[in-house]
Protein backbone atom coordinates (compact mmCIF):
# COMPACT_ATOMS: atom_id res chain seq x y z
CA MET A 1 -2.15 1.14 22.12
CA ILE A 2 -5.91 0.89 21.29
CA SER A 3 -7.28 -2.62 22.17
CA ARG A 4 -9.51 -4.02 19.38
CA LYS A 5 -11.39 -7.00 19.00
CA GLN A 6 -10.90 -9.52 15.95
CA TYR A 7 -13.74 -8.77 13.32
CA LEU A 8 -12.78 -10.58 10.21
CA VAL A 9 -10.92 -13.92 10.44
CA ILE A 10 -9.62 -15.58 7.39
CA GLU A 11 -8.05 -19.26 7.67
CA ASP A 12 -6.32 -21.18 5.29
CA LEU A 13 -7.80 -19.62 2.16
CA ILE A 14 -7.28 -21.30 -1.04
CA LYS A 15 -8.64 -20.48 -4.28
CA ASP A 16 -8.11 -22.20 -7.65
CA PHE A 17 -9.00 -21.13 -11.01
CA GLY A 18 -8.77 -24.54 -12.87
CA GLU A 19 -5.05 -25.37 -12.57
CA PHE A 20 -4.02 -22.02 -11.48
CA ARG A 21 -3.79 -21.40 -7.94
CA ALA A 22 -4.94 -17.71 -7.14
CA LEU A 23 -4.69 -17.69 -3.39
CA SER A 24 -2.59 -20.04 -1.65
CA ASP A 25 -3.35 -20.91 2.28
CA ILE A 26 -4.19 -17.16 3.37
CA SER A 27 -4.63 -16.92 7.24
CA ILE A 28 -5.12 -13.40 8.42
CA ASP A 29 -7.26 -11.59 11.02
CA ILE A 30 -8.49 -7.81 11.00
CA ASP A 31 -9.49 -6.22 13.68
CA GLU A 32 -12.83 -4.26 14.35
CA GLY A 33 -12.44 -0.59 13.13
CA GLU A 34 -8.96 -1.08 11.37
CA PHE A 35 -8.15 0.16 7.95
CA VAL A 36 -5.99 -2.28 5.95
CA CYS A 37 -4.71 -2.27 2.58
CA PHE A 38 -3.87 -5.68 0.22
CA LEU A 39 -1.08 -4.40 -1.68
CA GLY A 40 0.76 -5.96 -4.20
CA PRO A 41 1.57 -6.00 -8.16
CA SER A 42 -0.79 -6.80 -10.75
CA GLY A 43 -2.16 -10.52 -10.62
CA CYS A 44 -0.96 -11.15 -7.16
CA GLY A 45 -4.40 -12.06 -5.79
CA LYS A 46 -5.43 -9.03 -3.92
CA THR A 47 -8.73 -8.62 -5.75
CA THR A 48 -9.39 -12.04 -5.80
CA LEU A 49 -9.04 -12.16 -2.17
CA LEU A 50 -11.43 -9.09 -1.61
CA ARG A 51 -14.13 -10.76 -3.90
CA CYS A 52 -13.76 -13.79 -1.79
CA ILE A 53 -14.54 -11.74 1.33
CA ALA A 54 -17.64 -10.33 -0.58
CA GLY A 55 -18.85 -13.62 -1.85
CA LEU A 56 -18.31 -12.70 -5.31
CA GLU A 57 -15.91 -15.62 -5.59
CA LEU A 58 -16.19 -18.98 -3.69
CA GLN A 59 -13.11 -20.08 -2.30
CA THR A 60 -12.01 -23.72 -2.95
CA SER A 61 -11.21 -24.35 0.44
CA GLY A 62 -10.60 -22.32 3.84
CA THR A 63 -12.95 -20.30 5.92
CA ILE A 64 -14.06 -16.53 6.36
CA SER A 65 -15.56 -15.31 9.72
CA GLN A 66 -17.07 -11.94 10.14
CA ASP A 67 -18.07 -10.91 13.86
CA LYS A 68 -17.63 -14.46 14.77
CA LYS A 69 -20.25 -15.87 12.34
CA ILE A 70 -18.94 -17.88 9.52
CA ILE A 71 -19.53 -16.38 6.11
CA SER A 72 -17.90 -18.64 3.80
CA SER A 73 -20.79 -20.23 2.00
CA LEU A 74 -23.03 -17.40 2.32
CA PRO A 75 -24.50 -15.76 -0.93
CA THR A 76 -23.44 -12.50 -1.40
CA SER A 77 -26.69 -10.87 -0.38
CA GLN A 78 -26.52 -12.21 3.09
CA ARG A 79 -22.94 -10.96 3.85
CA ASP A 80 -22.70 -7.55 6.00
CA PHE A 81 -20.48 -5.54 3.49
CA GLY A 82 -20.69 -2.26 1.36
CA ILE A 83 -18.39 -2.33 -1.72
CA VAL A 84 -16.84 0.63 -4.08
CA PHE A 85 -15.41 -0.55 -7.38
CA GLN A 86 -12.59 0.75 -9.21
CA SER A 87 -15.11 1.95 -12.07
CA TYR A 88 -17.65 3.02 -9.43
CA ALA A 89 -20.27 1.28 -11.11
CA LEU A 90 -22.87 4.00 -10.84
CA PHE A 91 -26.14 3.63 -12.28
CA PRO A 92 -25.93 6.10 -15.38
CA ASN A 93 -29.69 6.74 -15.80
CA LEU A 94 -30.15 7.52 -12.11
CA THR A 95 -29.51 10.65 -10.10
CA CYS A 96 -27.00 10.93 -7.30
CA PHE A 97 -30.27 10.56 -4.62
CA ASP A 98 -31.30 7.50 -6.56
CA ASN A 99 -28.03 5.96 -6.79
CA ILE A 100 -27.35 6.17 -2.96
CA ALA A 101 -31.02 5.38 -2.34
CA TYR A 102 -30.95 2.20 -4.40
CA GLY A 103 -29.92 -0.12 -1.68
CA LEU A 104 -32.30 1.38 0.87
CA LYS A 105 -35.22 0.78 -1.36
CA ASN A 106 -34.63 -2.78 -1.77
CA LEU A 107 -34.32 -3.03 1.90
CA GLY A 108 -38.00 -1.67 2.05
CA TRP A 109 -37.34 1.46 3.57
CA ASN A 110 -39.98 4.28 3.48
CA SER A 111 -39.35 7.45 1.31
CA SER A 112 -39.23 9.89 4.05
CA SER A 113 -36.52 7.74 5.91
CA ILE A 114 -34.79 7.49 2.19
CA ARG A 115 -34.52 11.08 1.76
CA GLU A 116 -33.22 11.78 5.47
CA ARG A 117 -30.52 9.17 4.79
CA VAL A 118 -29.72 10.17 1.51
CA GLN A 119 -29.48 13.89 2.46
CA GLU A 120 -27.40 12.98 5.72
CA LEU A 121 -24.79 11.30 3.49
CA LEU A 122 -24.59 13.82 0.70
CA SER A 123 -23.86 16.12 3.57
CA LEU A 124 -21.32 13.67 4.90
CA ILE A 125 -19.43 13.72 1.64
CA GLY A 126 -19.88 17.45 0.81
CA LEU A 127 -22.24 16.78 -2.01
CA SER A 128 -25.70 18.32 -0.73
CA ASP A 129 -26.05 20.44 -4.01
CA HIS A 130 -25.60 17.41 -6.08
CA ILE A 131 -28.70 15.67 -5.26
CA SER A 132 -30.44 15.56 -8.81
CA LYS A 133 -27.22 15.34 -10.86
CA TYR A 134 -26.58 12.61 -13.07
CA PRO A 135 -23.07 10.69 -13.01
CA SER A 136 -22.10 12.10 -16.21
CA GLN A 137 -22.33 15.56 -15.06
CA LEU A 138 -19.74 14.72 -11.86
CA SER A 139 -16.09 14.78 -11.85
CA GLY A 140 -14.18 11.44 -11.16
CA GLY A 141 -13.76 12.60 -7.63
CA GLU A 142 -17.51 13.46 -7.10
CA GLN A 143 -18.36 9.93 -8.68
CA GLN A 144 -15.96 8.24 -6.32
CA ARG A 145 -17.71 9.85 -3.34
CA ILE A 146 -21.28 9.32 -4.57
CA ALA A 147 -20.30 5.45 -4.97
CA LEU A 148 -18.87 5.83 -1.47
CA ALA A 149 -21.89 7.12 0.36
CA ARG A 150 -24.00 4.50 -1.81
CA ALA A 151 -21.75 1.58 -0.19
CA ILE A 152 -22.16 3.08 3.48
CA ALA A 153 -26.19 3.87 2.96
CA THR A 154 -27.31 0.76 4.52
CA SER A 155 -24.88 0.90 7.60
CA PRO A 156 -22.58 -1.98 6.78
CA ASN A 157 -19.80 -2.85 9.34
CA LEU A 158 -17.49 -3.61 6.71
CA LEU A 159 -16.29 -1.44 3.87
CA LEU A 160 -14.59 -2.91 0.87
CA LEU A 161 -12.67 -0.80 -1.64
CA ASP A 162 -11.47 -2.04 -4.88
CA GLU A 163 -8.77 0.34 -6.12
CA PRO A 164 -11.31 3.15 -5.61
CA LEU A 165 -8.81 5.84 -6.34
CA SER A 166 -6.95 4.46 -9.52
CA ALA A 167 -9.07 6.18 -12.08
CA LEU A 168 -8.25 9.72 -10.87
CA ASP A 169 -5.66 12.20 -11.64
CA ALA A 170 -2.68 12.60 -9.23
CA LYS A 171 -3.88 15.78 -7.36
CA VAL A 172 -7.46 14.64 -7.00
CA ARG A 173 -6.15 11.30 -5.77
CA ILE A 174 -3.98 12.64 -3.00
CA HIS A 175 -6.80 14.73 -2.01
CA LEU A 176 -9.23 11.95 -1.68
CA ARG A 177 -7.30 9.52 0.10
CA GLN A 178 -6.93 12.00 3.07
CA GLU A 179 -10.62 12.42 3.00
CA LEU A 180 -11.18 8.71 2.81
CA LYS A 181 -8.75 8.40 6.04
CA LYS A 182 -10.91 11.08 7.57
CA PHE A 183 -14.08 9.37 6.62
CA HIS A 184 -13.04 6.19 7.84
CA ARG A 185 -12.04 7.38 11.30
CA ARG A 186 -15.58 9.55 11.55
CA LEU A 187 -17.49 6.32 10.92
CA GLY A 188 -15.04 3.82 12.71
CA LEU A 189 -15.93 1.26 9.82
CA THR A 190 -13.66 -2.00 9.41
CA SER A 191 -12.19 -1.01 5.88
CA ILE A 192 -10.32 -2.85 3.39
CA MET A 193 -8.76 -1.57 0.67
CA VAL A 194 -7.05 -3.20 -2.56
CA THR A 195 -4.35 -1.08 -4.21
CA HIS A 196 -1.30 -1.47 -6.28
CA ASP A 197 -0.18 2.09 -5.20
CA GLN A 198 2.59 2.04 -2.47
CA GLU A 199 2.46 5.43 -1.52
CA GLU A 200 -1.63 5.20 -1.22
CA ALA A 201 -1.28 2.27 1.04
CA LEU A 202 1.38 3.68 3.19
CA SER A 203 -0.17 7.05 3.78
CA ILE A 204 -4.14 5.78 4.60
CA ALA A 205 -3.59 2.16 6.23
CA ASP A 206 -3.22 0.92 9.86
CA ARG A 207 -1.83 -2.09 8.26
CA ILE A 208 -0.63 -3.10 5.20
CA PHE A 209 -0.73 -6.98 3.72
CA VAL A 210 1.90 -7.07 0.96
CA MET A 211 1.13 -10.01 -1.74
CA ASN A 212 2.72 -11.77 -4.26
CA GLU A 213 1.66 -14.67 -6.50
CA GLY A 214 -1.25 -15.31 -4.02
CA LYS A 215 0.44 -15.24 -0.70
CA ILE A 216 1.05 -12.84 2.01
CA MET A 217 4.56 -11.89 1.96
CA GLN A 218 4.60 -9.71 5.21
CA SER A 219 2.00 -7.56 7.14
CA GLY A 220 2.67 -4.85 9.39
CA THR A 221 2.05 -1.11 9.91
CA PRO A 222 3.31 1.08 7.06
CA LYS A 223 6.37 2.23 8.92
CA GLU A 224 7.23 -1.56 9.89
CA ILE A 225 6.92 -2.32 6.28
CA TYR A 226 8.92 0.55 4.76
CA MET A 227 11.62 0.43 7.29
CA SER A 228 11.99 -3.26 8.03
CA PRO A 229 10.76 -5.05 4.71
CA ILE A 230 11.16 -9.06 5.12
CA SER A 231 12.61 -10.01 1.94
CA PRO A 232 14.26 -8.08 -1.27
CA PHE A 233 10.78 -8.40 -2.89
CA VAL A 234 9.13 -6.28 -0.38
CA ALA A 235 11.97 -4.11 -0.12
CA ASN A 236 12.10 -3.49 -3.71
CA PHE A 237 8.01 -3.28 -3.99
CA ILE A 238 7.70 -0.85 -1.37
CA GLY A 239 9.83 2.46 -2.25
CA MET A 240 12.85 2.73 -4.40
CA THR A 241 15.81 0.72 -3.38
CA ASN A 242 19.45 0.14 -4.01
CA PHE A 243 20.73 -3.45 -3.75
CA LEU A 244 24.39 -4.42 -3.32
CA ASN A 245 25.95 -7.92 -3.08
CA GLY A 246 28.54 -8.53 -0.16
CA VAL A 247 30.16 -11.00 2.24
CA VAL A 248 29.80 -10.63 5.96
CA VAL A 249 33.39 -9.84 7.56
CA ASN A 250 32.61 -9.39 10.96
CA PRO A 251 29.51 -8.39 13.03
CA THR A 252 29.86 -4.73 11.99
CA LYS A 253 31.33 -4.99 8.34
CA ILE A 254 30.54 -6.33 4.83
CA ASP A 255 32.96 -6.50 1.88
CA ILE A 256 31.50 -5.45 -1.35
CA GLY A 257 33.87 -5.80 -4.10
CA GLY A 258 37.06 -5.21 -1.71
CA LYS A 259 35.56 -2.15 -0.28
CA GLN A 260 33.97 -2.43 3.55
CA LEU A 261 30.80 -1.20 4.46
CA LYS A 262 29.47 -0.53 7.96
CA ALA A 263 26.34 -2.39 9.03
CA ASN A 264 24.66 -4.35 11.57
CA CYS A 265 25.71 -7.95 10.96
CA GLU A 266 24.94 -9.66 14.43
CA LEU A 267 22.50 -12.00 12.89
CA PHE A 268 24.86 -13.29 10.28
CA SER A 269 27.92 -15.27 10.26
CA LYS A 270 31.39 -14.51 9.02
CA GLY A 271 31.49 -15.48 5.31
CA ASP A 272 27.65 -15.27 4.72
CA LYS A 273 26.82 -13.72 1.30
CA VAL A 274 24.14 -11.16 1.74
CA ARG A 275 22.18 -8.62 -0.29
CA VAL A 276 22.35 -5.06 0.99
CA ALA A 277 19.23 -2.97 0.70
CA ALA A 278 19.70 0.69 1.13
CA ARG A 279 17.10 3.42 0.50
CA PRO A 280 18.17 6.34 -1.37
CA GLU A 281 17.42 8.65 1.68
CA ALA A 282 19.90 6.22 3.61
CA ILE A 283 22.78 7.74 1.47
CA GLU A 284 24.02 11.02 2.39
CA VAL A 285 26.16 12.98 -0.69
CA MET A 286 29.18 14.72 1.11
CA LYS A 287 31.33 17.60 0.18
CA ARG A 288 34.48 15.94 1.76
CA LYS A 289 36.11 12.31 2.24
CA SER A 290 35.44 10.69 5.40
CA ASN A 291 36.54 7.46 7.00
CA ASN A 292 33.37 5.62 6.06
CA SER A 293 32.52 7.50 2.60
CA PHE A 294 32.99 6.21 -0.98
CA GLN A 295 33.57 7.76 -4.11
CA GLY A 296 31.34 8.05 -7.39
CA LYS A 297 30.74 10.32 -10.40
CA VAL A 298 27.13 11.77 -10.81
CA VAL A 299 25.61 10.76 -13.97
CA ASP A 300 22.33 12.17 -13.65
CA MET A 301 20.00 14.42 -11.49
CA GLU A 302 16.19 14.65 -11.19
CA PHE A 303 14.57 17.46 -9.07
CA LEU A 304 11.51 16.08 -7.37
CA GLY A 305 10.34 18.94 -5.63
CA SER A 306 11.22 18.29 -2.02
CA TYR A 307 14.31 16.47 -2.73
CA THR A 308 16.76 15.70 -5.66
CA ARG A 309 17.61 12.00 -6.52
CA ILE A 310 21.16 12.02 -7.65
CA HIS A 311 22.22 9.20 -9.77
CA ILE A 312 25.83 7.81 -8.75
CA LYS A 313 28.07 5.56 -10.50
CA SER A 314 30.86 4.15 -8.37
CA PRO A 315 33.87 2.51 -9.09
CA ASP A 316 33.99 1.32 -5.14
CA PHE A 317 31.00 -0.99 -5.96
CA ASN A 318 31.80 -2.04 -9.40
CA ASP A 319 30.50 0.70 -11.42
CA ALA A 320 26.97 -0.05 -9.86
CA GLN A 321 24.56 2.85 -10.14
CA ILE A 322 23.45 4.44 -6.78
CA LEU A 323 20.45 6.54 -6.32
CA ALA A 324 20.83 9.05 -3.26
CA ASP A 325 17.78 11.27 -2.36
CA THR A 326 19.01 14.68 -0.91
CA PRO A 327 16.53 17.04 0.81
CA ILE A 328 16.42 20.29 -1.05
CA LEU A 329 16.92 22.34 2.27
CA GLU A 330 20.57 20.76 2.23
CA ASN A 331 21.42 22.22 -1.09
CA ALA A 332 23.17 19.52 -2.32
CA GLY A 333 21.46 19.78 -5.71
CA ASP A 334 23.20 23.16 -6.09
CA THR A 335 26.59 21.88 -5.21
CA VAL A 336 26.85 19.04 -7.68
CA SER A 337 26.16 18.46 -11.22
CA PRO A 338 26.01 15.59 -13.78
CA GLY A 339 29.90 14.71 -13.95
CA SER A 340 30.93 15.91 -10.50
CA ASN A 341 32.96 13.61 -8.67
CA ILE A 342 31.39 13.07 -4.97
CA ASN A 343 31.76 11.29 -2.07
CA PHE A 344 28.90 9.45 -0.39
CA ASN A 345 28.31 7.77 3.05
CA PHE A 346 25.51 4.90 3.77
CA SER A 347 23.60 5.21 7.13
CA SER A 348 24.27 1.90 8.50
CA ASP A 349 21.30 1.89 10.97
CA LEU A 350 19.08 2.25 7.93
CA LEU A 351 20.41 -0.55 5.98
CA ASN A 352 18.45 -3.98 5.62
CA LEU A 353 20.52 -7.40 4.94
CA TYR A 354 19.30 -10.59 3.24
CA LYS A 355 21.21 -13.87 3.31
CA VAL A 356 21.70 -15.03 -0.38
CA GLU A 357 20.77 -18.83 0.04
CA GLU A 358 23.26 -21.09 -1.89
CA HIS A 359 21.75 -23.51 -4.28
């Protein structure tokens, strides 16, 4: 594990807009050189948090420290960061060269140093032959890369990204998020990206902060967030999840509508009401019935490339509809069809359980 020092520390941050509390007691720390994502649904506060870090919004209370220096009350111009907006915000009347050079000219760099720096950045993003083009002559992906080059032209130590890939089509977005990841590793910048795209956050971040209603619901590595969501909200927001309600029978079993499901219930007591979360990939479609299998009927199927998503209606679970993902290599999609009666099994070590609080 690489040892890193704390670079950005946010303590007890609150942001109110009149009577509305957009951010509530946010306390997080981000390490030097780390790539983190603020992830959550629209209106959860993630962009407001980014804007507070940038000084584009002034927090109601709380502190922000960058490299051990309190920056909470500093104007934007005195904070050390580069930013890329969702719209890229390129100057349409300036060439790629002049867009990238804009901040350098404001800092008083001489023309030869500016030209050298801009050419270096254009080479870094693979657009050296676009130096004289205008934004309208570029594709969305090329505009995004020019905006990125402009953001890092003055060599900031912190890079802020406000949904920088959301305006692009799916194929370009997948390509550029990998480019962004390589770019981050090459430069070693501390980077913060706001996104509502779970797949984007899982693929690119060192650490994810899941937000909802102005609060941090969970933070952790992509694997931790996906495999061990702390609440039904996080489980439901990150990826696809089946939910079933049950009652703990003993440390290894849950009763769901009269059927017993194997699960690790050691942290619960007999009689506890629980919500069981099962990812579609945690459900195995079987040809034959086994001791731990359940029955259902296929009501729909989706071919999704590398896997087939099977929609199962199960009388064993009060006709609840269950989604099961089967890798295409297993050929399950070739042996079942809508209307087929099938057996399926839950992988007990891939289930997450949440206690249902009595009101």
